[in-house]
Amino acid sequence: MKKIIIMVMCFAVALAMALPAAAIELSPDAANIPSIYATVTDGQIVYKNVPTGYSSQTFNAILTAYGLELTPEAAAGVPASYAKVVDGSIVFNDKSMAYTPEDYHRIFTAYGLTLSPEDAALIEGPVNYCKVVDGEIVLGKTSTAYSALGISQILAAYKLPMAEPEVVVTEEPCVDSDGDGVCDDVDACPGTPKGVKVDERGCWVLDQNCLFDFDKSVVKPEYYPLLNDIVKVMNDNPSLRVELEGHTCSIGTDKYNQGLSERRANAVKKYLVEKGMVDTSRVSAIGYGEKNPISTNENEEGRKLNRRVELKPIW
């Protein structure tokens, strides 16, 4: 069944690049803000303004209050002195310490944050964290204990990447004009009568391996009911004419296969006309030999599919 993309990938990527990143901020309603970092007074956040070293336990709690999370997979990117992963769980330390801006940046990015040169330029002056040189961010290499106010100014420059727009895939309704269960866009034989059994291509096909013994062109009696079904379809559709097309696999000479395909197509026609009482003007027979295979002739499974009588409806 054909599928269509409601929002194509190239459009989704372009849109994601065009959207601004999501700024992070600490809400007065945030739960469990460490008191060493900030307090809430009359609905306003009051940051501590004394340079302080934080333990990684406390610093993680601060970032968690911002709605950020460090996963065990991302923890591999943080300094070893900040956290490590043991048996799949992150282990933080309780030792207060200061990091270099380079290490702070590694920690922030491990929590999913990004810093652009444009945003980094906003914190060149207020805190000694980084500078922008020729469009590139240069981070400090000296361990620095920032105040909570300084940390909040640094974090205000970082952003969370916007999620890419969801690409929605939906199925286009199948248009099956002849009602054979095969959609029109892949139906190789449109116009088959209602109720007939078709193959995966949508074609009305009789398996020669059932109808005939090897190298024979006489319909086996046990398959008369199969041909009687064709008679019923013809009777139910008085305006329908059918062309019987005989096909073979590639085993044997071209000349022999051509003759065999004609004999078998005519054998089916003979039954429909003589036993089914279908008017001969409504049935024609033609042989194509091995010219029109529908599968490979390199193995028996494919050759079996190629040995067939197709019924081409003519309305």
C-alpha atoms as a PDB file:
ATOM      1  CA  MET A   1       0.000   0.000   0.000  1.00  0.00           C
ATOM      2  CA  LYS A   2       1.423   3.379  -0.989  1.00  0.00           C
ATOM      3  CA  LYS A   3       2.526   5.727   1.761  1.00  0.00           C
ATOM      4  CA  ILE A   4       2.956   9.483   1.714  1.00  0.00           C
ATOM      5  CA  ILE A   5       5.020  11.724   3.942  1.00  0.00           C
ATOM      6  CA  ILE A   6       2.929  14.529   5.417  1.00  0.00           C
ATOM      7  CA  MET A   7       6.059  16.466   6.366  1.00  0.00           C
ATOM      8  CA  VAL A   8       9.069  15.459   4.305  1.00  0.00           C
ATOM      9  CA  MET A   9      12.414  15.023   6.024  1.00  0.00           C
ATOM     10  CA  CYS A  10      14.210  17.867   4.244  1.00  0.00           C
ATOM     11  CA  PHE A  11      11.479  20.273   5.329  1.00  0.00           C
ATOM     12  CA  ALA A  12      11.614  18.959   8.899  1.00  0.00           C
ATOM     13  CA  VAL A  13      15.376  19.474   9.098  1.00  0.00           C
ATOM     14  CA  ALA A  14      15.190  22.948   7.600  1.00  0.00           C
ATOM     15  CA  LEU A  15      12.445  23.922  10.005  1.00  0.00           C
ATOM     16  CA  ALA A  16      14.377  22.597  12.982  1.00  0.00           C
ATOM     17  CA  MET A  17      17.405  24.675  11.952  1.00  0.00           C
ATOM     18  CA  ALA A  18      15.268  27.773  11.572  1.00  0.00           C
ATOM     19  CA  LEU A  19      13.667  27.521  15.006  1.00  0.00           C
ATOM     20  CA  PRO A  20      15.442  29.150  17.970  1.00  0.00           C
ATOM     21  CA  ALA A  21      16.782  26.935  20.721  1.00  0.00           C
ATOM     22  CA  ALA A  22      14.724  26.750  23.895  1.00  0.00           C
ATOM     23  CA  ALA A  23      16.074  28.942  26.694  1.00  0.00           C
ATOM     24  CA  ILE A  24      16.267  27.399  30.157  1.00  0.00           C
ATOM     25  CA  GLU A  25      15.294  29.231  33.301  1.00  0.00           C
ATOM     26  CA  LEU A  26      14.695  28.468  36.945  1.00  0.00           C
ATOM     27  CA  SER A  27      11.061  28.749  37.939  1.00  0.00           C
ATOM     28  CA  PRO A  28      10.067  29.955  41.421  1.00  0.00           C
ATOM     29  CA  ASP A  29       7.830  26.883  41.477  1.00  0.00           C
ATOM     30  CA  ALA A  30      10.734  24.515  40.840  1.00  0.00           C
ATOM     31  CA  ALA A  31      10.919  21.762  43.413  1.00  0.00           C
ATOM     32  CA  ASN A  32      13.930  21.150  45.630  1.00  0.00           C
ATOM     33  CA  ILE A  33      16.034  24.196  44.763  1.00  0.00           C
ATOM     34  CA  PRO A  34      19.152  23.780  46.952  1.00  0.00           C
ATOM     35  CA  SER A  35      19.133  26.581  49.526  1.00  0.00           C
ATOM     36  CA  ILE A  36      22.865  27.045  49.059  1.00  0.00           C
ATOM     37  CA  TYR A  37      22.033  28.165  45.511  1.00  0.00           C
ATOM     38  CA  ALA A  38      18.854  30.212  45.766  1.00  0.00           C
ATOM     39  CA  THR A  39      15.743  30.909  47.809  1.00  0.00           C
ATOM     40  CA  VAL A  40      12.281  32.086  46.826  1.00  0.00           C
ATOM     41  CA  THR A  41      10.937  35.256  48.449  1.00  0.00           C
ATOM     42  CA  ASP A  42       7.517  36.651  47.572  1.00  0.00           C
ATOM     43  CA  GLY A  43       7.509  34.537  44.408  1.00  0.00           C
ATOM     44  CA  GLN A  44      10.910  35.845  43.311  1.00  0.00           C
ATOM     45  CA  ILE A  45      14.146  33.837  43.076  1.00  0.00           C
ATOM     46  CA  VAL A  46      16.982  35.285  45.129  1.00  0.00           C
ATOM     47  CA  TYR A  47      20.354  33.878  44.099  1.00  0.00           C
ATOM     48  CA  LYS A  48      23.289  33.642  46.481  1.00  0.00           C
ATOM     49  CA  ASN A  49      25.991  36.103  45.446  1.00  0.00           C
ATOM     50  CA  VAL A  50      29.005  34.578  47.167  1.00  0.00           C
ATOM     51  CA  PRO A  51      31.544  32.532  45.143  1.00  0.00           C
ATOM     52  CA  THR A  52      30.971  28.950  46.154  1.00  0.00           C
ATOM     53  CA  GLY A  53      32.280  25.530  45.264  1.00  0.00           C
ATOM     54  CA  TYR A  54      29.573  22.898  44.959  1.00  0.00           C
ATOM     55  CA  SER A  55      29.679  19.153  45.356  1.00  0.00           C
ATOM     56  CA  SER A  56      28.539  17.285  42.272  1.00  0.00           C
ATOM     57  CA  GLN A  57      25.541  16.048  44.292  1.00  0.00           C
ATOM     58  CA  THR A  58      24.482  19.644  44.905  1.00  0.00           C
ATOM     59  CA  PHE A  59      25.307  20.798  41.386  1.00  0.00           C
ATOM     60  CA  ASN A  60      23.229  17.966  39.942  1.00  0.00           C
ATOM     61  CA  ALA A  61      20.346  19.011  42.219  1.00  0.00           C
ATOM     62  CA  ILE A  62      20.690  22.584  40.912  1.00  0.00           C
ATOM     63  CA  LEU A  63      20.556  21.466  37.288  1.00  0.00           C
ATOM     64  CA  THR A  64      17.675  19.114  38.072  1.00  0.00           C
ATOM     65  CA  ALA A  65      15.754  22.116  39.442  1.00  0.00           C
ATOM     66  CA  TYR A  66      16.198  23.645  35.978  1.00  0.00           C
ATOM     67  CA  GLY A  67      14.503  20.575  34.516  1.00  0.00           C
ATOM     68  CA  LEU A  68      17.733  19.001  33.248  1.00  0.00           C
ATOM     69  CA  GLU A  69      18.810  15.388  33.581  1.00  0.00           C
ATOM     70  CA  LEU A  70      22.096  13.543  33.236  1.00  0.00           C
ATOM     71  CA  THR A  71      21.765  10.051  31.762  1.00  0.00           C
ATOM     72  CA  PRO A  72      24.288   7.264  32.369  1.00  0.00           C
ATOM     73  CA  GLU A  73      25.137   7.352  28.657  1.00  0.00           C
ATOM     74  CA  ALA A  74      25.853  11.097  28.700  1.00  0.00           C
ATOM     75  CA  ALA A  75      27.762  10.882  32.002  1.00  0.00           C
ATOM     76  CA  ALA A  76      30.741   9.556  30.052  1.00  0.00           C
ATOM     77  CA  GLY A  77      31.275  13.127  28.834  1.00  0.00           C
ATOM     78  CA  VAL A  78      31.637  14.788  32.233  1.00  0.00           C
ATOM     79  CA  PRO A  79      34.922  15.143  34.157  1.00  0.00           C
ATOM     80  CA  ALA A  80      35.705  12.042  36.201  1.00  0.00           C
ATOM     81  CA  SER A  81      35.859  14.224  39.333  1.00  0.00           C
ATOM     82  CA  TYR A  82      32.210  15.182  38.776  1.00  0.00           C
ATOM     83  CA  ALA A  83      30.570  11.801  38.310  1.00  0.00           C
ATOM     84  CA  LYS A  84      31.147   8.219  37.260  1.00  0.00           C
ATOM     85  CA  VAL A  85      28.920   5.338  36.282  1.00  0.00           C
ATOM     86  CA  VAL A  86      28.888   2.195  38.424  1.00  0.00           C
ATOM     87  CA  ASP A  87      26.724  -0.778  37.405  1.00  0.00           C
ATOM     88  CA  GLY A  88      24.700   1.462  35.129  1.00  0.00           C
ATOM     89  CA  SER A  89      24.009   4.116  37.793  1.00  0.00           C
ATOM     90  CA  ILE A  90      25.559   7.580  38.136  1.00  0.00           C
ATOM     91  CA  VAL A  91      27.575   8.162  41.307  1.00  0.00           C
ATOM     92  CA  PHE A  92      28.058  11.808  42.343  1.00  0.00           C
ATOM     93  CA  ASN A  93      30.489  13.016  45.005  1.00  0.00           C
ATOM     94  CA  ASP A  94      29.891  15.121  48.098  1.00  0.00           C
ATOM     95  CA  LYS A  95      33.164  17.096  47.887  1.00  0.00           C
ATOM     96  CA  SER A  96      32.774  20.808  47.181  1.00  0.00           C
ATOM     97  CA  MET A  97      35.035  21.951  44.388  1.00  0.00           C
ATOM     98  CA  ALA A  98      35.337  24.451  41.567  1.00  0.00           C
ATOM     99  CA  TYR A  99      35.809  23.542  37.917  1.00  0.00           C
ATOM    100  CA  THR A 100      37.367  25.288  34.969  1.00  0.00           C
ATOM    101  CA  PRO A 101      34.933  26.842  32.471  1.00  0.00           C
ATOM    102  CA  GLU A 102      36.020  24.111  30.041  1.00  0.00           C
ATOM    103  CA  ASP A 103      34.842  21.465  32.516  1.00  0.00           C
ATOM    104  CA  TYR A 104      31.661  23.367  33.351  1.00  0.00           C
ATOM    105  CA  HIS A 105      30.937  23.400  29.607  1.00  0.00           C
ATOM    106  CA  ARG A 106      31.468  19.639  29.423  1.00  0.00           C
ATOM    107  CA  ILE A 107      29.037  19.208  32.317  1.00  0.00           C
ATOM    108  CA  PHE A 108      26.406  21.490  30.805  1.00  0.00           C
ATOM    109  CA  THR A 109      26.560  19.844  27.395  1.00  0.00           C
ATOM    110  CA  ALA A 110      26.278  16.399  29.023  1.00  0.00           C
ATOM    111  CA  TYR A 111      22.947  17.600  30.415  1.00  0.00           C
ATOM    112  CA  GLY A 112      21.855  18.387  26.864  1.00  0.00           C
ATOM    113  CA  LEU A 113      22.610  22.126  26.716  1.00  0.00           C
ATOM    114  CA  THR A 114      24.201  24.003  23.826  1.00  0.00           C
ATOM    115  CA  LEU A 115      26.047  27.305  23.660  1.00  0.00           C
ATOM    116  CA  SER A 116      26.267  29.362  20.483  1.00  0.00           C
ATOM    117  CA  PRO A 117      28.921  32.041  19.830  1.00  0.00           C
ATOM    118  CA  GLU A 118      26.146  34.646  19.732  1.00  0.00           C
ATOM    119  CA  ASP A 119      24.888  33.670  23.188  1.00  0.00           C
ATOM    120  CA  ALA A 120      28.401  33.225  24.560  1.00  0.00           C
ATOM    121  CA  ALA A 121      29.136  36.860  23.682  1.00  0.00           C
ATOM    122  CA  LEU A 122      26.467  37.897  26.192  1.00  0.00           C
ATOM    123  CA  ILE A 123      28.456  36.529  29.136  1.00  0.00           C
ATOM    124  CA  GLU A 124      31.918  37.729  28.176  1.00  0.00           C
ATOM    125  CA  GLY A 125      31.619  40.714  30.507  1.00  0.00           C
ATOM    126  CA  PRO A 126      29.440  39.700  33.483  1.00  0.00           C
ATOM    127  CA  VAL A 127      31.456  36.586  34.389  1.00  0.00           C
ATOM    128  CA  ASN A 128      34.947  35.388  33.599  1.00  0.00           C
ATOM    129  CA  TYR A 129      33.749  32.317  31.715  1.00  0.00           C
ATOM    130  CA  CYS A 130      34.526  32.615  28.029  1.00  0.00           C
ATOM    131  CA  LYS A 131      35.158  34.935  25.128  1.00  0.00           C
ATOM    132  CA  VAL A 132      34.437  34.798  21.437  1.00  0.00           C
ATOM    133  CA  VAL A 133      37.360  35.056  19.025  1.00  0.00           C
ATOM    134  CA  ASP A 134      36.730  35.084  15.273  1.00  0.00           C
ATOM    135  CA  GLY A 135      33.339  33.504  15.826  1.00  0.00           C
ATOM    136  CA  GLU A 136      34.715  30.690  18.003  1.00  0.00           C
ATOM    137  CA  ILE A 137      34.052  30.206  21.720  1.00  0.00           C
ATOM    138  CA  VAL A 138      37.202  30.173  23.858  1.00  0.00           C
ATOM    139  CA  LEU A 139      36.537  28.799  27.342  1.00  0.00           C
ATOM    140  CA  GLY A 140      38.593  29.608  30.396  1.00  0.00           C
ATOM    141  CA  LYS A 141      41.077  27.078  31.725  1.00  0.00           C
ATOM    142  CA  THR A 142      41.306  28.314  35.348  1.00  0.00           C
ATOM    143  CA  SER A 143      39.249  26.683  38.093  1.00  0.00           C
ATOM    144  CA  THR A 144      36.724  29.253  39.239  1.00  0.00           C
ATOM    145  CA  ALA A 145      34.220  29.240  42.071  1.00  0.00           C
ATOM    146  CA  TYR A 146      31.191  31.114  40.763  1.00  0.00           C
ATOM    147  CA  SER A 147      28.427  32.539  42.844  1.00  0.00           C
ATOM    148  CA  ALA A 148      24.917  31.254  42.293  1.00  0.00           C
ATOM    149  CA  LEU A 149      24.145  34.529  40.529  1.00  0.00           C
ATOM    150  CA  GLY A 150      27.124  33.945  38.236  1.00  0.00           C
ATOM    151  CA  ILE A 151      26.032  30.371  37.518  1.00  0.00           C
ATOM    152  CA  SER A 152      22.521  31.615  36.693  1.00  0.00           C
ATOM    153  CA  GLN A 153      23.984  34.164  34.248  1.00  0.00           C
ATOM    154  CA  ILE A 154      26.066  31.463  32.575  1.00  0.00           C
ATOM    155  CA  LEU A 155      23.134  29.062  32.358  1.00  0.00           C
ATOM    156  CA  ALA A 156      20.972  31.831  30.882  1.00  0.00           C
ATOM    157  CA  ALA A 157      23.264  31.786  27.827  1.00  0.00           C
ATOM    158  CA  TYR A 158      22.845  28.040  27.309  1.00  0.00           C
ATOM    159  CA  LYS A 159      19.905  26.604  25.462  1.00  0.00           C
ATOM    160  CA  LEU A 160      18.152  23.302  24.953  1.00  0.00           C
ATOM    161  CA  PRO A 161      17.963  22.295  21.245  1.00  0.00           C
ATOM    162  CA  MET A 162      14.435  22.426  19.887  1.00  0.00           C
ATOM    163  CA  ALA A 163      13.060  18.991  19.085  1.00  0.00           C
ATOM    164  CA  GLU A 164      12.763  18.331  15.385  1.00  0.00           C
ATOM    165  CA  PRO A 165       9.180  18.456  14.124  1.00  0.00           C
ATOM    166  CA  GLU A 166       7.598  15.032  14.093  1.00  0.00           C
ATOM    167  CA  VAL A 167       7.527  13.430  10.684  1.00  0.00           C
ATOM    168  CA  VAL A 168       4.085  11.919  10.330  1.00  0.00           C
ATOM    169  CA  VAL A 169       3.687   8.975   7.981  1.00  0.00           C
ATOM    170  CA  THR A 170       0.185   8.063   6.964  1.00  0.00           C
ATOM    171  CA  GLU A 171      -1.194   5.532   4.557  1.00  0.00           C
ATOM    172  CA  GLU A 172      -2.884   6.805   1.450  1.00  0.00           C
ATOM    173  CA  PRO A 173      -6.276   5.140   1.005  1.00  0.00           C
ATOM    174  CA  CYS A 174      -6.075   2.225  -1.423  1.00  0.00           C
ATOM    175  CA  VAL A 175      -8.009   2.780  -4.620  1.00  0.00           C
ATOM    176  CA  ASP A 176      -9.077  -0.646  -5.874  1.00  0.00           C
ATOM    177  CA  SER A 177     -11.365   0.005  -8.827  1.00  0.00           C
ATOM    178  CA  ASP A 178     -11.927  -3.652  -9.752  1.00  0.00           C
ATOM    179  CA  GLY A 179     -12.297  -4.861  -6.160  1.00  0.00           C
ATOM    180  CA  ASP A 180      -9.710  -7.636  -6.435  1.00  0.00           C
ATOM    181  CA  GLY A 181      -7.796  -6.619  -3.307  1.00  0.00           C
ATOM    182  CA  VAL A 182      -4.862  -5.112  -5.240  1.00  0.00           C
ATOM    183  CA  CYS A 183      -4.503  -1.306  -5.285  1.00  0.00           C
ATOM    184  CA  ASP A 184      -4.761   0.362  -8.676  1.00  0.00           C
ATOM    185  CA  ASP A 185      -1.239   1.791  -8.499  1.00  0.00           C
ATOM    186  CA  VAL A 186       0.284  -1.719  -8.444  1.00  0.00           C
ATOM    187  CA  ASP A 187      -2.441  -3.652 -10.264  1.00  0.00           C
ATOM    188  CA  ALA A 188      -0.918  -5.120 -13.430  1.00  0.00           C
ATOM    189  CA  CYS A 189      -4.307  -6.389 -14.626  1.00  0.00           C
ATOM    190  CA  PRO A 190      -7.022  -3.787 -14.002  1.00  0.00           C
ATOM    191  CA  GLY A 191     -10.620  -4.625 -14.743  1.00  0.00           C
ATOM    192  CA  THR A 192     -10.781  -8.188 -13.416  1.00  0.00           C
ATOM    193  CA  PRO A 193     -14.354  -9.332 -12.726  1.00  0.00           C
ATOM    194  CA  LYS A 194     -15.651  -9.133  -9.172  1.00  0.00           C
ATOM    195  CA  GLY A 195     -14.982 -12.194  -7.063  1.00  0.00           C
ATOM    196  CA  VAL A 196     -12.290 -13.898  -9.168  1.00  0.00           C
ATOM    197  CA  LYS A 197      -9.108 -15.086  -7.515  1.00  0.00           C
ATOM    198  CA  VAL A 198      -6.074 -13.054  -8.572  1.00  0.00           C
ATOM    199  CA  ASP A 199      -2.359 -13.331  -7.894  1.00  0.00           C
ATOM    200  CA  GLU A 200      -0.260 -10.685  -6.124  1.00  0.00           C
ATOM    201  CA  ARG A 201      -0.092  -8.696  -9.368  1.00  0.00           C
ATOM    202  CA  GLY A 202      -3.879  -8.498  -9.534  1.00  0.00           C
ATOM    203  CA  CYS A 203      -4.050 -10.883 -12.512  1.00  0.00           C
ATOM    204  CA  TRP A 204      -6.584 -13.681 -13.080  1.00  0.00           C
ATOM    205  CA  VAL A 205      -4.328 -16.733 -13.405  1.00  0.00           C
ATOM    206  CA  LEU A 206      -4.734 -20.497 -13.684  1.00  0.00           C
ATOM    207  CA  ASP A 207      -1.797 -22.629 -12.560  1.00  0.00           C
ATOM    208  CA  GLN A 208      -0.820 -24.936 -15.432  1.00  0.00           C
ATOM    209  CA  ASN A 209       0.903 -27.288 -12.990  1.00  0.00           C
ATOM    210  CA  CYS A 210      -2.542 -28.091 -11.586  1.00  0.00           C
ATOM    211  CA  LEU A 211      -4.543 -28.150 -14.791  1.00  0.00           C
ATOM    212  CA  PHE A 212      -2.223 -30.343 -16.839  1.00  0.00           C
ATOM    213  CA  ASP A 213       0.118 -33.258 -16.380  1.00  0.00           C
ATOM    214  CA  PHE A 214       3.742 -32.734 -17.390  1.00  0.00           C
ATOM    215  CA  ASP A 215       4.111 -31.992 -21.082  1.00  0.00           C
ATOM    216  CA  LYS A 216       0.366 -32.522 -21.625  1.00  0.00           C
ATOM    217  CA  SER A 217      -2.397 -30.202 -22.800  1.00  0.00           C
ATOM    218  CA  VAL A 218      -5.467 -32.097 -21.577  1.00  0.00           C
ATOM    219  CA  VAL A 219      -7.231 -30.549 -18.564  1.00  0.00           C
ATOM    220  CA  LYS A 220      -7.306 -33.009 -15.669  1.00  0.00           C
ATOM    221  CA  PRO A 221     -10.902 -33.855 -14.570  1.00  0.00           C
ATOM    222  CA  GLU A 222     -10.272 -32.984 -10.924  1.00  0.00           C
ATOM    223  CA  TYR A 223      -9.841 -29.364 -11.993  1.00  0.00           C
ATOM    224  CA  TYR A 224     -13.129 -29.082 -13.881  1.00  0.00           C
ATOM    225  CA  PRO A 225     -14.688 -27.261 -10.862  1.00  0.00           C
ATOM    226  CA  LEU A 226     -12.003 -24.581 -11.259  1.00  0.00           C
ATOM    227  CA  LEU A 227     -13.049 -24.027 -14.857  1.00  0.00           C
ATOM    228  CA  ASN A 228     -16.708 -24.157 -13.867  1.00  0.00           C
ATOM    229  CA  ASP A 229     -16.017 -21.116 -11.687  1.00  0.00           C
ATOM    230  CA  ILE A 230     -14.915 -19.292 -14.837  1.00  0.00           C
ATOM    231  CA  VAL A 231     -18.146 -20.323 -16.555  1.00  0.00           C
ATOM    232  CA  LYS A 232     -20.131 -18.855 -13.655  1.00  0.00           C
ATOM    233  CA  VAL A 233     -18.227 -15.557 -13.908  1.00  0.00           C
ATOM    234  CA  MET A 234     -18.958 -15.444 -17.644  1.00  0.00           C
ATOM    235  CA  ASN A 235     -22.649 -16.144 -17.034  1.00  0.00           C
ATOM    236  CA  ASP A 236     -22.812 -13.480 -14.322  1.00  0.00           C
ATOM    237  CA  ASN A 237     -21.234 -10.945 -16.670  1.00  0.00           C
ATOM    238  CA  PRO A 238     -22.907 -11.343 -20.084  1.00  0.00           C
ATOM    239  CA  SER A 239     -20.891  -8.517 -21.653  1.00  0.00           C
ATOM    240  CA  LEU A 240     -17.566  -9.980 -20.567  1.00  0.00           C
ATOM    241  CA  ARG A 241     -15.189 -11.522 -23.105  1.00  0.00           C
ATOM    242  CA  VAL A 242     -12.010 -13.325 -22.097  1.00  0.00           C
ATOM    243  CA  GLU A 243      -8.673 -13.797 -23.826  1.00  0.00           C
ATOM    244  CA  LEU A 244      -6.868 -16.922 -22.593  1.00  0.00           C
ATOM    245  CA  GLU A 245      -3.098 -16.389 -22.646  1.00  0.00           C
ATOM    246  CA  GLY A 246      -0.851 -19.449 -22.425  1.00  0.00           C
ATOM    247  CA  HIS A 247       2.673 -19.083 -20.965  1.00  0.00           C
ATOM    248  CA  THR A 248       5.524 -21.492 -20.250  1.00  0.00           C
ATOM    249  CA  CYS A 249       8.870 -21.502 -18.448  1.00  0.00           C
ATOM    250  CA  SER A 250      12.149 -21.502 -20.396  1.00  0.00           C
ATOM    251  CA  ILE A 251      12.821 -25.232 -20.290  1.00  0.00           C
ATOM    252  CA  GLY A 252      12.661 -26.582 -23.849  1.00  0.00           C
ATOM    253  CA  THR A 253      13.057 -24.895 -27.208  1.00  0.00           C
ATOM    254  CA  ASP A 254      11.291 -21.661 -28.099  1.00  0.00           C
ATOM    255  CA  LYS A 255       9.335 -23.422 -30.817  1.00  0.00           C
ATOM    256  CA  TYR A 256       8.180 -26.246 -28.564  1.00  0.00           C
ATOM    257  CA  ASN A 257       7.174 -23.891 -25.735  1.00  0.00           C
ATOM    258  CA  GLN A 258       5.242 -21.729 -28.170  1.00  0.00           C
ATOM    259  CA  GLY A 259       3.223 -24.716 -29.343  1.00  0.00           C
ATOM    260  CA  LEU A 260       2.646 -26.014 -25.815  1.00  0.00           C
ATOM    261  CA  SER A 261       1.364 -22.638 -24.608  1.00  0.00           C
ATOM    262  CA  GLU A 262      -1.070 -22.462 -27.533  1.00  0.00           C
ATOM    263  CA  ARG A 263      -2.337 -26.008 -26.967  1.00  0.00           C
ATOM    264  CA  ARG A 264      -2.968 -25.423 -23.295  1.00  0.00           C
ATOM    265  CA  ALA A 265      -4.751 -22.104 -23.834  1.00  0.00           C
ATOM    266  CA  ASN A 266      -6.950 -23.772 -26.445  1.00  0.00           C
ATOM    267  CA  ALA A 267      -7.650 -26.685 -24.071  1.00  0.00           C
ATOM    268  CA  VAL A 268      -9.114 -24.263 -21.533  1.00  0.00           C
ATOM    269  CA  LYS A 269     -11.105 -22.563 -24.276  1.00  0.00           C
ATOM    270  CA  LYS A 270     -12.460 -25.904 -25.466  1.00  0.00           C
ATOM    271  CA  TYR A 271     -13.745 -26.746 -21.998  1.00  0.00           C
ATOM    272  CA  LEU A 272     -15.421 -23.369 -21.539  1.00  0.00           C
ATOM    273  CA  VAL A 273     -17.152 -23.564 -24.910  1.00  0.00           C
ATOM    274  CA  GLU A 274     -18.041 -27.269 -25.094  1.00  0.00           C
ATOM    275  CA  LYS A 275     -18.764 -28.128 -21.454  1.00  0.00           C
ATOM    276  CA  GLY A 276     -19.485 -24.681 -20.068  1.00  0.00           C
ATOM    277  CA  MET A 277     -21.632 -23.627 -23.016  1.00  0.00           C
ATOM    278  CA  VAL A 278     -19.928 -20.232 -23.234  1.00  0.00           C
ATOM    279  CA  ASP A 279     -20.408 -18.657 -26.647  1.00  0.00           C
ATOM    280  CA  THR A 280     -17.214 -19.158 -28.632  1.00  0.00           C
ATOM    281  CA  SER A 281     -17.253 -15.491 -29.670  1.00  0.00           C
ATOM    282  CA  ARG A 282     -16.641 -14.557 -26.046  1.00  0.00           C
ATOM    283  CA  VAL A 283     -13.455 -16.630 -25.639  1.00  0.00           C
ATOM    284  CA  SER A 284     -10.184 -16.356 -27.554  1.00  0.00           C
ATOM    285  CA  ALA A 285      -6.917 -18.202 -26.992  1.00  0.00           C
ATOM    286  CA  ILE A 286      -3.329 -17.179 -27.701  1.00  0.00           C
ATOM    287  CA  GLY A 287       0.056 -18.625 -26.784  1.00  0.00           C
ATOM    288  CA  TYR A 288       3.118 -16.607 -25.750  1.00  0.00           C
ATOM    289  CA  GLY A 289       5.512 -19.466 -25.056  1.00  0.00           C
ATOM    290  CA  GLU A 290       8.302 -18.364 -22.744  1.00  0.00           C
ATOM    291  CA  LYS A 291       8.302 -14.710 -23.864  1.00  0.00           C
ATOM    292  CA  ASN A 292       6.525 -13.114 -20.885  1.00  0.00           C
ATOM    293  CA  PRO A 293       7.822 -14.571 -17.604  1.00  0.00           C
ATOM    294  CA  ILE A 294       6.530 -13.103 -14.335  1.00  0.00           C
ATOM    295  CA  SER A 295       9.328 -14.639 -12.260  1.00  0.00           C
ATOM    296  CA  THR A 296      12.837 -16.036 -12.622  1.00  0.00           C
ATOM    297  CA  ASN A 297      13.532 -19.125 -14.700  1.00  0.00           C
ATOM    298  CA  GLU A 298      16.621 -19.893 -12.610  1.00  0.00           C
ATOM    299  CA  ASN A 299      14.807 -22.094 -10.079  1.00  0.00           C
ATOM    300  CA  GLU A 300      11.775 -24.365  -9.985  1.00  0.00           C
ATOM    301  CA  GLU A 301       9.704 -22.037  -7.822  1.00  0.00           C
ATOM    302  CA  GLY A 302      10.037 -19.258 -10.367  1.00  0.00           C
ATOM    303  CA  ARG A 303       9.483 -21.576 -13.340  1.00  0.00           C
ATOM    304  CA  LYS A 304       6.269 -22.834 -11.737  1.00  0.00           C
ATOM    305  CA  LEU A 305       4.904 -19.285 -11.655  1.00  0.00           C
ATOM    306  CA  ASN A 306       5.830 -18.779 -15.295  1.00  0.00           C
ATOM    307  CA  ARG A 307       3.872 -21.866 -16.396  1.00  0.00           C
ATOM    308  CA  ARG A 308       0.373 -20.395 -16.363  1.00  0.00           C
ATOM    309  CA  VAL A 309      -2.785 -19.518 -18.246  1.00  0.00           C
ATOM    310  CA  GLU A 310      -3.831 -15.925 -17.677  1.00  0.00           C
ATOM    311  CA  LEU A 311      -7.374 -14.737 -18.302  1.00  0.00           C
ATOM    312  CA  LYS A 312      -7.450 -11.234 -19.723  1.00  0.00           C
ATOM    313  CA  PRO A 313     -10.938  -9.732 -19.321  1.00  0.00           C
ATOM    314  CA  ILE A 314     -12.258  -7.640 -22.211  1.00  0.00           C
ATOM    315  CA  TRP A 315     -15.295  -5.526 -21.439  1.00  0.00           C
END
